[in-house]
Amino acid sequence: MLALLMGTTVVAAQEPDAGQTRNADALARFGDVMLGMGRNEQCKMLDEARTEQYSKDVAAIIKALEKQIPPQQLLGVVINATAATGAPKSAGGCDDATRQLVEAGSENAKNWAEELRRGRSRGNSTQGK
């Protein structure tokens, strides 16, 4: 019985680490998305339709992240992405590397928002079961 209780304690102690890792991964991914969005704002790399979709995808991501990550941490990522966007090294020009960064950020946001929508629709279909 004691071994069973100790095993449960070990599993319970490990779960926050998994959650913290998941949150850290989400924040890093969010940072990449926001950096791409900031560079697109500066350089206008995407056409109007893709820029609008990028904004909608980011809004969906933020809505989901707000449920699992403290607002201060989300704000910190936005501030860091804004600072990185304005840093002389990254603000140097609107070149092919910038286009790749923006397109990667846009694609990442699109895929992430789709993952969230699929997860939400699956979650809705299993509620009450």
C-alpha atoms as a PDB file:
ATOM      1  CA  MET A   1       0.000   0.000   0.000  1.00  0.00           C
ATOM      2  CA  LEU A   2       2.803   2.408   0.874  1.00  0.00           C
ATOM      3  CA  ALA A   3       4.497   1.676  -2.465  1.00  0.00           C
ATOM      4  CA  LEU A   4       1.240   2.460  -4.274  1.00  0.00           C
ATOM      5  CA  LEU A   5       0.911   5.789  -2.454  1.00  0.00           C
ATOM      6  CA  MET A   6       4.544   6.661  -3.124  1.00  0.00           C
ATOM      7  CA  GLY A   7       4.101   5.793  -6.798  1.00  0.00           C
ATOM      8  CA  THR A   8       1.069   8.081  -6.981  1.00  0.00           C
ATOM      9  CA  THR A   9       3.061  10.872  -5.349  1.00  0.00           C
ATOM     10  CA  VAL A  10       5.869  10.471  -7.880  1.00  0.00           C
ATOM     11  CA  VAL A  11       3.424  10.598 -10.813  1.00  0.00           C
ATOM     12  CA  ALA A  12       1.679  13.630  -9.322  1.00  0.00           C
ATOM     13  CA  ALA A  13       5.030  15.354  -8.854  1.00  0.00           C
ATOM     14  CA  GLN A  14       5.946  14.703 -12.498  1.00  0.00           C
ATOM     15  CA  GLU A  15       2.720  16.068 -13.985  1.00  0.00           C
ATOM     16  CA  PRO A  16       3.459  19.760 -13.345  1.00  0.00           C
ATOM     17  CA  ASP A  17       6.794  19.338 -15.119  1.00  0.00           C
ATOM     18  CA  ALA A  18       4.998  17.965 -18.178  1.00  0.00           C
ATOM     19  CA  GLY A  19       2.553  20.868 -18.027  1.00  0.00           C
ATOM     20  CA  GLN A  20       5.373  23.356 -17.613  1.00  0.00           C
ATOM     21  CA  THR A  21       7.183  21.848 -20.588  1.00  0.00           C
ATOM     22  CA  ARG A  22       4.011  21.981 -22.665  1.00  0.00           C
ATOM     23  CA  ASN A  23       3.515  25.639 -21.706  1.00  0.00           C
ATOM     24  CA  ALA A  24       7.156  26.486 -22.462  1.00  0.00           C
ATOM     25  CA  ASP A  25       6.846  24.837 -25.885  1.00  0.00           C
ATOM     26  CA  ALA A  26       3.609  26.725 -26.566  1.00  0.00           C
ATOM     27  CA  LEU A  27       5.206  30.031 -25.539  1.00  0.00           C
ATOM     28  CA  ALA A  28       8.226  29.409 -27.787  1.00  0.00           C
ATOM     29  CA  ARG A  29       5.931  28.566 -30.692  1.00  0.00           C
ATOM     30  CA  PHE A  30       3.815  31.630 -29.947  1.00  0.00           C
ATOM     31  CA  GLY A  31       6.968  33.765 -29.954  1.00  0.00           C
ATOM     32  CA  ASP A  32       7.859  32.534 -33.442  1.00  0.00           C
ATOM     33  CA  VAL A  33       4.331  33.271 -34.667  1.00  0.00           C
ATOM     34  CA  MET A  34       4.377  36.767 -33.163  1.00  0.00           C
ATOM     35  CA  LEU A  35       7.846  37.557 -34.525  1.00  0.00           C
ATOM     36  CA  GLY A  36       6.663  36.625 -38.021  1.00  0.00           C
ATOM     37  CA  MET A  37       3.574  38.752 -37.583  1.00  0.00           C
ATOM     38  CA  GLY A  38       5.635  41.740 -36.458  1.00  0.00           C
ATOM     39  CA  ARG A  39       7.997  41.430 -39.400  1.00  0.00           C
ATOM     40  CA  ASN A  40       5.017  41.209 -41.746  1.00  0.00           C
ATOM     41  CA  GLU A  41       3.671  44.427 -40.227  1.00  0.00           C
ATOM     42  CA  GLN A  42       6.995  46.100 -40.977  1.00  0.00           C
ATOM     43  CA  CYS A  43       7.645  44.671 -44.412  1.00  0.00           C
ATOM     44  CA  LYS A  44       4.177  43.840 -45.797  1.00  0.00           C
ATOM     45  CA  MET A  45       5.393  40.489 -47.113  1.00  0.00           C
ATOM     46  CA  LEU A  46       1.975  38.815 -47.221  1.00  0.00           C
ATOM     47  CA  ASP A  47      -0.945  39.975 -49.322  1.00  0.00           C
ATOM     48  CA  GLU A  48      -4.012  41.435 -47.621  1.00  0.00           C
ATOM     49  CA  ALA A  49      -5.964  38.154 -47.529  1.00  0.00           C
ATOM     50  CA  ARG A  50      -3.080  36.192 -45.992  1.00  0.00           C
ATOM     51  CA  THR A  51      -2.390  38.972 -43.496  1.00  0.00           C
ATOM     52  CA  GLU A  52      -6.044  38.936 -42.442  1.00  0.00           C
ATOM     53  CA  GLN A  53      -5.974  35.133 -42.076  1.00  0.00           C
ATOM     54  CA  TYR A  54      -2.745  35.380 -40.071  1.00  0.00           C
ATOM     55  CA  SER A  55      -4.461  37.811 -37.690  1.00  0.00           C
ATOM     56  CA  LYS A  56      -7.474  35.509 -37.305  1.00  0.00           C
ATOM     57  CA  ASP A  57      -5.219  32.517 -36.643  1.00  0.00           C
ATOM     58  CA  VAL A  58      -3.263  34.472 -34.011  1.00  0.00           C
ATOM     59  CA  ALA A  59      -6.524  35.516 -32.343  1.00  0.00           C
ATOM     60  CA  ALA A  60      -7.598  31.851 -32.134  1.00  0.00           C
ATOM     61  CA  ILE A  61      -4.215  30.888 -30.700  1.00  0.00           C
ATOM     62  CA  ILE A  62      -4.333  33.641 -28.083  1.00  0.00           C
ATOM     63  CA  LYS A  63      -7.852  32.615 -27.078  1.00  0.00           C
ATOM     64  CA  ALA A  64      -6.647  29.052 -26.470  1.00  0.00           C
ATOM     65  CA  LEU A  65      -3.425  30.069 -24.727  1.00  0.00           C
ATOM     66  CA  GLU A  66      -5.286  32.403 -22.357  1.00  0.00           C
ATOM     67  CA  LYS A  67      -6.926  29.307 -20.860  1.00  0.00           C
ATOM     68  CA  GLN A  68      -3.656  27.607 -19.966  1.00  0.00           C
ATOM     69  CA  ILE A  69      -0.955  30.260 -19.606  1.00  0.00           C
ATOM     70  CA  PRO A  70      -0.904  33.256 -17.237  1.00  0.00           C
ATOM     71  CA  PRO A  71      -1.506  36.575 -19.024  1.00  0.00           C
ATOM     72  CA  GLN A  72       1.832  37.967 -17.830  1.00  0.00           C
ATOM     73  CA  GLN A  73       3.685  35.212 -19.656  1.00  0.00           C
ATOM     74  CA  LEU A  74       1.727  35.801 -22.879  1.00  0.00           C
ATOM     75  CA  LEU A  75       2.385  39.520 -22.629  1.00  0.00           C
ATOM     76  CA  GLY A  76       6.070  38.810 -22.071  1.00  0.00           C
ATOM     77  CA  VAL A  77       6.226  36.843 -25.324  1.00  0.00           C
ATOM     78  CA  VAL A  78       4.498  39.651 -27.217  1.00  0.00           C
ATOM     79  CA  ILE A  79       6.890  42.223 -25.739  1.00  0.00           C
ATOM     80  CA  ASN A  80       9.929  40.087 -26.575  1.00  0.00           C
ATOM     81  CA  ALA A  81       8.703  39.538 -30.146  1.00  0.00           C
ATOM     82  CA  THR A  82       8.097  43.265 -30.513  1.00  0.00           C
ATOM     83  CA  ALA A  83      11.559  44.063 -29.189  1.00  0.00           C
ATOM     84  CA  ALA A  84      13.140  41.469 -31.493  1.00  0.00           C
ATOM     85  CA  THR A  85      11.214  42.860 -34.456  1.00  0.00           C
ATOM     86  CA  GLY A  86      12.562  46.329 -33.777  1.00  0.00           C
ATOM     87  CA  ALA A  87      16.107  45.233 -32.979  1.00  0.00           C
ATOM     88  CA  PRO A  88      18.608  46.639 -35.478  1.00  0.00           C
ATOM     89  CA  LYS A  89      19.780  43.195 -36.540  1.00  0.00           C
ATOM     90  CA  SER A  90      16.294  41.896 -37.409  1.00  0.00           C
ATOM     91  CA  ALA A  91      14.977  45.242 -38.648  1.00  0.00           C
ATOM     92  CA  GLY A  92      17.840  45.525 -41.103  1.00  0.00           C
ATOM     93  CA  GLY A  93      15.776  44.936 -44.184  1.00  0.00           C
ATOM     94  CA  CYS A  94      12.888  43.238 -45.854  1.00  0.00           C
ATOM     95  CA  ASP A  95      14.832  40.577 -47.666  1.00  0.00           C
ATOM     96  CA  ASP A  96      14.327  36.941 -48.610  1.00  0.00           C
ATOM     97  CA  ALA A  97      15.222  35.768 -45.094  1.00  0.00           C
ATOM     98  CA  THR A  98      12.497  38.040 -43.725  1.00  0.00           C
ATOM     99  CA  ARG A  99      10.012  36.653 -46.247  1.00  0.00           C
ATOM    100  CA  GLN A 100      10.870  33.117 -45.139  1.00  0.00           C
ATOM    101  CA  LEU A 101      10.459  34.071 -41.473  1.00  0.00           C
ATOM    102  CA  VAL A 102       7.065  35.690 -42.146  1.00  0.00           C
ATOM    103  CA  GLU A 103       5.827  32.801 -44.273  1.00  0.00           C
ATOM    104  CA  ALA A 104       6.989  30.273 -41.679  1.00  0.00           C
ATOM    105  CA  GLY A 105       5.230  32.230 -38.925  1.00  0.00           C
ATOM    106  CA  SER A 106       2.054  32.462 -40.982  1.00  0.00           C
ATOM    107  CA  GLU A 107       2.097  28.755 -41.805  1.00  0.00           C
ATOM    108  CA  ASN A 108       2.811  27.868 -38.175  1.00  0.00           C
ATOM    109  CA  ALA A 109      -0.140  30.022 -37.049  1.00  0.00           C
ATOM    110  CA  LYS A 110      -2.414  28.473 -39.671  1.00  0.00           C
ATOM    111  CA  ASN A 111      -1.493  24.910 -38.686  1.00  0.00           C
ATOM    112  CA  TRP A 112      -1.765  25.664 -34.972  1.00  0.00           C
ATOM    113  CA  ALA A 113      -5.187  27.310 -35.351  1.00  0.00           C
ATOM    114  CA  GLU A 114      -6.371  24.293 -37.368  1.00  0.00           C
ATOM    115  CA  GLU A 115      -5.092  21.954 -34.633  1.00  0.00           C
ATOM    116  CA  LEU A 116      -7.035  23.976 -32.071  1.00  0.00           C
ATOM    117  CA  ARG A 117     -10.218  23.909 -34.163  1.00  0.00           C
ATOM    118  CA  ARG A 118      -9.947  20.138 -34.671  1.00  0.00           C
ATOM    119  CA  GLY A 119      -9.328  19.634 -30.955  1.00  0.00           C
ATOM    120  CA  ARG A 120     -12.278  21.812 -30.043  1.00  0.00           C
ATOM    121  CA  SER A 121     -14.637  19.989 -32.398  1.00  0.00           C
ATOM    122  CA  ARG A 122     -13.471  16.618 -31.052  1.00  0.00           C
ATOM    123  CA  GLY A 123     -13.861  17.922 -27.492  1.00  0.00           C
ATOM    124  CA  ASN A 124     -17.397  19.106 -28.192  1.00  0.00           C
ATOM    125  CA  SER A 125     -18.422  15.759 -29.629  1.00  0.00           C
ATOM    126  CA  THR A 126     -17.205  13.903 -26.545  1.00  0.00           C
ATOM    127  CA  GLN A 127     -18.681  16.215 -23.928  1.00  0.00           C
ATOM    128  CA  GLY A 128     -21.174  14.493 -21.698  1.00  0.00           C
ATOM    129  CA  LYS A 129     -19.797  11.017 -22.415  1.00  0.00           C
END
